[in-house]
C-alpha atoms as a PDB file:
ATOM      1  CA  MET A   1      52.869 -38.595  12.886  1.00  0.00           C
ATOM      2  CA  ALA A   2      51.994 -35.393  11.069  1.00  0.00           C
ATOM      3  CA  SER A   3      54.640 -33.552   9.136  1.00  0.00           C
ATOM      4  CA  PRO A   4      55.516 -29.980  10.188  1.00  0.00           C
ATOM      5  CA  ALA A   5      53.681 -28.636   7.119  1.00  0.00           C
ATOM      6  CA  GLU A   6      50.510 -30.536   8.056  1.00  0.00           C
ATOM      7  CA  THR A   7      50.774 -29.349  11.643  1.00  0.00           C
ATOM      8  CA  THR A   8      50.945 -25.690  10.632  1.00  0.00           C
ATOM      9  CA  LEU A   9      47.945 -26.040   8.308  1.00  0.00           C
ATOM     10  CA  ARG A  10      45.673 -27.420  11.032  1.00  0.00           C
ATOM     11  CA  SER A  11      43.441 -25.031  12.882  1.00  0.00           C
ATOM     12  CA  PRO A  12      43.860 -25.429  16.664  1.00  0.00           C
ATOM     13  CA  ASP A  13      40.103 -25.105  17.249  1.00  0.00           C
ATOM     14  CA  ARG A  14      39.175 -27.920  14.870  1.00  0.00           C
ATOM     15  CA  PRO A  15      40.182 -31.314  16.218  1.00  0.00           C
ATOM     16  CA  THR A  16      41.228 -33.767  13.562  1.00  0.00           C
ATOM     17  CA  GLY A  17      40.548 -36.955  15.497  1.00  0.00           C
ATOM     18  CA  PRO A  18      37.269 -38.453  16.664  1.00  0.00           C
ATOM     19  CA  ALA A  19      35.034 -36.048  18.535  1.00  0.00           C
ATOM     20  CA  SER A  20      35.346 -36.281  22.281  1.00  0.00           C
ATOM     21  CA  PRO A  21      33.458 -34.501  25.057  1.00  0.00           C
ATOM     22  CA  THR A  22      36.619 -32.608  25.992  1.00  0.00           C
ATOM     23  CA  ALA A  23      37.566 -31.564  22.430  1.00  0.00           C
ATOM     24  CA  PRO A  24      37.076 -27.839  21.900  1.00  0.00           C
ATOM     25  CA  GLY A  25      34.220 -26.935  19.566  1.00  0.00           C
ATOM     26  CA  PRO A  26      34.517 -24.465  16.749  1.00  0.00           C
ATOM     27  CA  SER A  27      34.928 -20.963  18.094  1.00  0.00           C
ATOM     28  CA  LEU A  28      33.860 -17.738  16.481  1.00  0.00           C
ATOM     29  CA  HIS A  29      36.349 -16.002  14.263  1.00  0.00           C
ATOM     30  CA  GLY A  30      36.586 -12.395  13.215  1.00  0.00           C
ATOM     31  CA  TYR A  31      35.342 -13.255   9.740  1.00  0.00           C
ATOM     32  CA  ASP A  32      32.136 -14.751  11.160  1.00  0.00           C
ATOM     33  CA  LEU A  33      31.353 -11.490  12.937  1.00  0.00           C
ATOM     34  CA  GLY A  34      32.488  -9.471   9.928  1.00  0.00           C
ATOM     35  CA  LEU A  35      30.115 -11.383   7.644  1.00  0.00           C
ATOM     36  CA  VAL A  36      27.234 -10.819  10.093  1.00  0.00           C
ATOM     37  CA  LEU A  37      27.986  -7.095  10.115  1.00  0.00           C
ATOM     38  CA  LEU A  38      28.141  -6.962   6.310  1.00  0.00           C
ATOM     39  CA  ARG A  39      24.935  -9.009   5.932  1.00  0.00           C
ATOM     40  CA  VAL A  40      23.022  -6.853   8.412  1.00  0.00           C
ATOM     41  CA  VAL A  41      24.120  -3.517   6.963  1.00  0.00           C
ATOM     42  CA  VAL A  42      23.607  -4.468   3.294  1.00  0.00           C
ATOM     43  CA  GLY A  43      20.413  -6.407   4.035  1.00  0.00           C
ATOM     44  CA  LEU A  44      18.749  -3.701   6.113  1.00  0.00           C
ATOM     45  CA  THR A  45      19.779  -1.032   3.614  1.00  0.00           C
ATOM     46  CA  MET A  46      18.150  -2.982   0.796  1.00  0.00           C
ATOM     47  CA  ALA A  47      15.053  -3.862   2.845  1.00  0.00           C
ATOM     48  CA  ALA A  48      14.599  -0.186   3.713  1.00  0.00           C
ATOM     49  CA  HIS A  49      14.907   0.780   0.031  1.00  0.00           C
ATOM     50  CA  GLY A  50      12.373  -1.871  -0.907  1.00  0.00           C
ATOM     51  CA  SER A  51       9.902  -0.655   1.708  1.00  0.00           C
ATOM     52  CA  GLN A  52      10.309   2.888   0.350  1.00  0.00           C
ATOM     53  CA  LYS A  53       9.159   1.615  -3.027  1.00  0.00           C
ATOM     54  CA  LEU A  54       6.368  -0.638  -1.762  1.00  0.00           C
ATOM     55  CA  PHE A  55       4.908   1.340   1.129  1.00  0.00           C
ATOM     56  CA  GLY A  56       6.399   4.827   0.999  1.00  0.00           C
ATOM     57  CA  TRP A  57       8.115   4.215   4.345  1.00  0.00           C
ATOM     58  CA  PHE A  58      11.251   6.181   5.302  1.00  0.00           C
ATOM     59  CA  ASP A  59      10.197   9.150   3.132  1.00  0.00           C
ATOM     60  CA  GLY A  60       9.919   6.878   0.098  1.00  0.00           C
ATOM     61  CA  ALA A  61       7.911   7.578  -3.020  1.00  0.00           C
ATOM     62  CA  GLY A  62       5.544   4.622  -2.669  1.00  0.00           C
ATOM     63  CA  LEU A  63       4.430   2.282  -5.404  1.00  0.00           C
ATOM     64  CA  ASP A  64       2.604   4.731  -7.689  1.00  0.00           C
ATOM     65  CA  ASP A  65       5.374   7.336  -7.839  1.00  0.00           C
ATOM     66  CA  THR A  66       8.089   4.692  -8.052  1.00  0.00           C
ATOM     67  CA  GLY A  67       6.157   3.084 -10.904  1.00  0.00           C
ATOM     68  CA  GLN A  68       6.115   6.425 -12.725  1.00  0.00           C
ATOM     69  CA  PHE A  69       9.887   6.705 -12.243  1.00  0.00           C
ATOM     70  CA  PHE A  70      10.351   3.210 -13.698  1.00  0.00           C
ATOM     71  CA  THR A  71       8.201   4.163 -16.692  1.00  0.00           C
ATOM     72  CA  MET A  72      10.233   7.376 -17.204  1.00  0.00           C
ATOM     73  CA  SER A  73      13.399   5.273 -16.984  1.00  0.00           C
ATOM     74  CA  GLY A  74      12.236   3.155 -19.919  1.00  0.00           C
ATOM     75  CA  TYR A  75      10.870   0.075 -18.178  1.00  0.00           C
ATOM     76  CA  PRO A  76       7.589  -1.356 -19.478  1.00  0.00           C
ATOM     77  CA  SER A  77       4.770  -1.653 -16.941  1.00  0.00           C
ATOM     78  CA  GLY A  78       6.460   0.693 -14.514  1.00  0.00           C
ATOM     79  CA  LYS A  79       4.249  -0.109 -11.533  1.00  0.00           C
ATOM     80  CA  ALA A  80       4.712  -3.868 -12.001  1.00  0.00           C
ATOM     81  CA  MET A  81       8.478  -3.413 -12.296  1.00  0.00           C
ATOM     82  CA  ALA A  82       8.474  -1.192  -9.195  1.00  0.00           C
ATOM     83  CA  THR A  83       6.591  -3.915  -7.331  1.00  0.00           C
ATOM     84  CA  VAL A  84       9.099  -6.557  -8.407  1.00  0.00           C
ATOM     85  CA  ALA A  85      12.032  -4.315  -7.443  1.00  0.00           C
ATOM     86  CA  GLY A  86      10.455  -3.452  -4.086  1.00  0.00           C
ATOM     87  CA  LEU A  87       9.692  -7.076  -3.243  1.00  0.00           C
ATOM     88  CA  THR A  88      13.140  -8.213  -4.370  1.00  0.00           C
ATOM     89  CA  GLU A  89      14.900  -5.558  -2.306  1.00  0.00           C
ATOM     90  CA  THR A  90      12.729  -6.062   0.776  1.00  0.00           C
ATOM     91  CA  PHE A  91      12.711  -9.845   0.951  1.00  0.00           C
ATOM     92  CA  GLY A  92      16.218 -10.290  -0.482  1.00  0.00           C
ATOM     93  CA  GLY A  93      17.505  -7.831   2.103  1.00  0.00           C
ATOM     94  CA  LEU A  94      15.690  -9.476   5.022  1.00  0.00           C
ATOM     95  CA  ALA A  95      16.882 -12.936   3.946  1.00  0.00           C
ATOM     96  CA  LEU A  96      20.423 -11.594   3.779  1.00  0.00           C
ATOM     97  CA  VAL A  97      20.142 -10.174   7.314  1.00  0.00           C
ATOM     98  CA  ILE A  98      19.330 -13.569   8.832  1.00  0.00           C
ATOM     99  CA  GLY A  99      21.511 -15.534   6.423  1.00  0.00           C
ATOM    100  CA  LEU A 100      18.664 -17.449   4.776  1.00  0.00           C
ATOM    101  CA  CYS A 101      19.432 -18.827   1.305  1.00  0.00           C
ATOM    102  CA  THR A 102      22.280 -16.337   1.270  1.00  0.00           C
ATOM    103  CA  PRO A 103      23.554 -16.957  -2.286  1.00  0.00           C
ATOM    104  CA  LEU A 104      20.062 -16.391  -3.743  1.00  0.00           C
ATOM    105  CA  ALA A 105      19.310 -13.416  -1.475  1.00  0.00           C
ATOM    106  CA  ALA A 106      22.577 -11.834  -2.558  1.00  0.00           C
ATOM    107  CA  ALA A 107      21.815 -12.627  -6.217  1.00  0.00           C
ATOM    108  CA  ALA A 108      18.491 -10.806  -5.893  1.00  0.00           C
ATOM    109  CA  ILE A 109      20.331  -7.727  -4.684  1.00  0.00           C
ATOM    110  CA  VAL A 110      22.988  -8.038  -7.393  1.00  0.00           C
ATOM    111  CA  GLY A 111      20.326  -8.154 -10.113  1.00  0.00           C
ATOM    112  CA  THR A 112      18.387  -5.204  -8.726  1.00  0.00           C
ATOM    113  CA  MET A 113      21.490  -3.103  -8.247  1.00  0.00           C
ATOM    114  CA  ILE A 114      22.787  -3.796 -11.765  1.00  0.00           C
ATOM    115  CA  ASN A 115      19.565  -2.239 -13.027  1.00  0.00           C
ATOM    116  CA  ALA A 116      20.066   0.727 -10.685  1.00  0.00           C
ATOM    117  CA  VAL A 117      23.598   1.204 -12.038  1.00  0.00           C
ATOM    118  CA  ALA A 118      22.279   1.097 -15.606  1.00  0.00           C
ATOM    119  CA  VAL A 119      19.655   3.758 -14.857  1.00  0.00           C
ATOM    120  CA  LYS A 120      22.196   6.083 -13.204  1.00  0.00           C
ATOM    121  CA  TRP A 121      25.167   5.310 -15.476  1.00  0.00           C
ATOM    122  CA  ASP A 122      25.220   8.724 -17.184  1.00  0.00           C
ATOM    123  CA  GLY A 123      25.591  10.489 -13.819  1.00  0.00           C
ATOM    124  CA  GLY A 124      29.273   9.591 -13.455  1.00  0.00           C
ATOM    125  CA  PHE A 125      30.854   7.785 -10.557  1.00  0.00           C
ATOM    126  CA  PHE A 126      30.427  10.049  -7.532  1.00  0.00           C
ATOM    127  CA  ALA A 127      27.231  10.705  -5.558  1.00  0.00           C
ATOM    128  CA  PRO A 128      24.705  12.269  -5.595  1.00  0.00           C
ATOM    129  CA  ASN A 129      24.096  11.433  -9.266  1.00  0.00           C
ATOM    130  CA  GLY A 130      26.802   8.818  -9.755  1.00  0.00           C
ATOM    131  CA  VAL A 131      26.859   5.075  -9.321  1.00  0.00           C
ATOM    132  CA  GLU A 132      29.372   4.652  -6.470  1.00  0.00           C
ATOM    133  CA  TYR A 133      26.697   3.717  -3.910  1.00  0.00           C
ATOM    134  CA  GLU A 134      25.022   1.212  -6.222  1.00  0.00           C
ATOM    135  CA  LEU A 135      28.359  -0.346  -7.183  1.00  0.00           C
ATOM    136  CA  LEU A 136      29.290  -0.708  -3.527  1.00  0.00           C
ATOM    137  CA  LEU A 137      26.020  -2.510  -2.710  1.00  0.00           C
ATOM    138  CA  THR A 138      26.366  -4.702  -5.821  1.00  0.00           C
ATOM    139  CA  SER A 139      29.920  -5.667  -4.905  1.00  0.00           C
ATOM    140  CA  ALA A 140      29.055  -6.338  -1.264  1.00  0.00           C
ATOM    141  CA  ALA A 141      26.150  -8.591  -2.258  1.00  0.00           C
ATOM    142  CA  ALA A 142      28.299 -10.471  -4.787  1.00  0.00           C
ATOM    143  CA  ALA A 143      31.006 -10.913  -2.144  1.00  0.00           C
ATOM    144  CA  LEU A 144      28.451 -12.383   0.272  1.00  0.00           C
ATOM    145  CA  ALA A 145      27.190 -14.760  -2.416  1.00  0.00           C
ATOM    146  CA  LEU A 146      30.750 -15.953  -3.044  1.00  0.00           C
ATOM    147  CA  THR A 147      31.919 -16.214   0.592  1.00  0.00           C
ATOM    148  CA  GLY A 148      28.714 -17.492   2.115  1.00  0.00           C
ATOM    149  CA  PRO A 149      27.011 -16.120   5.221  1.00  0.00           C
ATOM    150  CA  GLY A 150      29.477 -17.325   7.835  1.00  0.00           C
ATOM    151  CA  ARG A 151      28.626 -19.545  10.788  1.00  0.00           C
ATOM    152  CA  LEU A 152      26.066 -17.206  12.361  1.00  0.00           C
ATOM    153  CA  ALA A 153      23.308 -17.739   9.804  1.00  0.00           C
ATOM    154  CA  VAL A 154      20.112 -19.687   9.257  1.00  0.00           C
ATOM    155  CA  ASP A 155      21.820 -21.414   6.315  1.00  0.00           C
ATOM    156  CA  ARG A 156      23.854 -23.421   8.855  1.00  0.00           C
ATOM    157  CA  PHE A 157      20.633 -25.328   9.655  1.00  0.00           C
ATOM    158  CA  LEU A 158      19.761 -26.089   6.017  1.00  0.00           C
ATOM    159  CA  PRO A 159      21.320 -29.363   4.836  1.00  0.00           C
ATOM    160  CA  VAL A 160      22.124 -28.204   1.308  1.00  0.00           C
ATOM    161  CA  LEU A 161      23.563 -24.841   2.331  1.00  0.00           C
ATOM    162  CA  ARG A 162      25.195 -25.887   5.608  1.00  0.00           C
ATOM    163  CA  ALA A 163      28.573 -26.157   3.922  1.00  0.00           C
ATOM    164  CA  HIS A 164      28.756 -23.208   1.546  1.00  0.00           C
ATOM    165  CA  ARG A 165      30.373 -24.037  -1.752  1.00  0.00           C
ATOM    166  CA  LEU A 166      31.977 -21.515  -4.051  1.00  0.00           C
ATOM    167  CA  ALA A 167      29.980 -23.037  -6.914  1.00  0.00           C
ATOM    168  CA  TYR A 168      26.736 -21.953  -5.193  1.00  0.00           C
ATOM    169  CA  GLY A 169      27.984 -18.386  -5.011  1.00  0.00           C
ATOM    170  CA  ILE A 170      29.199 -18.321  -8.598  1.00  0.00           C
ATOM    171  CA  ALA A 171      25.905 -19.778  -9.837  1.00  0.00           C
ATOM    172  CA  ALA A 172      23.890 -17.296  -7.777  1.00  0.00           C
ATOM    173  CA  VAL A 173      25.857 -14.279  -9.031  1.00  0.00           C
ATOM    174  CA  ALA A 174      25.461 -15.576 -12.592  1.00  0.00           C
ATOM    175  CA  ILE A 175      21.683 -15.876 -12.062  1.00  0.00           C
ATOM    176  CA  GLY A 176      21.555 -12.298 -10.750  1.00  0.00           C
ATOM    177  CA  VAL A 177      23.583 -10.962 -13.686  1.00  0.00           C
ATOM    178  CA  VAL A 178      21.603 -12.864 -16.327  1.00  0.00           C
ATOM    179  CA  THR A 179      18.257 -11.846 -14.799  1.00  0.00           C
ATOM    180  CA  ALA A 180      19.384  -8.213 -14.680  1.00  0.00           C
ATOM    181  CA  GLY A 181      20.436  -8.460 -18.324  1.00  0.00           C
ATOM    182  CA  VAL A 182      17.043  -9.823 -19.365  1.00  0.00           C
ATOM    183  CA  ILE A 183      15.243  -7.015 -17.514  1.00  0.00           C
ATOM    184  CA  LEU A 184      17.577  -4.432 -19.059  1.00  0.00           C
ATOM    185  CA  MET A 185      16.804  -5.786 -22.543  1.00  0.00           C
ATOM    186  CA  LEU A 186      13.111  -4.983 -21.902  1.00  0.00           C
ATOM    187  CA  ARG A 187      14.022  -1.371 -21.172  1.00  0.00           C
ATOM    188  CA  ASP A 188      13.618   1.225 -23.925  1.00  0.00           C
END
């Protein structure tokens, strides 16, 4: 018989015994829906920013003008860096929306946004010239890497990522930070 402490720790929607046809399946929780909302908003925001860089959509500058901005900001090969940033934001954002390889998609956004923070750092904290927006997106992406995508994600169908592990999130955030640091070292 289970002790009172064990009984209170069990979730009522997760049977502990053998699966039976009448046992209730896992139900959605508020955090599953909250993670979907966060993934969709952050992912679509980043995908839209990437498409501004790559294609000039949504009143964006397009690749040539964005490349010139990257060059003025001290990055070598501005157009190539703009292409990398645009692709990273677009595909990282779209992967985040559907919850595909979520830790890596979030790491891509973390790395890109660290560079954005570095470029805007002298503008203070508050918008329009500050870094508050970039820090918010960076933090949200890092949080998604650490928590995982929730149960409403493509990752649930991938054997390795089905059960999100904190180690995956920590490793992904570390990859994003290290990659951002390498790119920043190339900057004048």
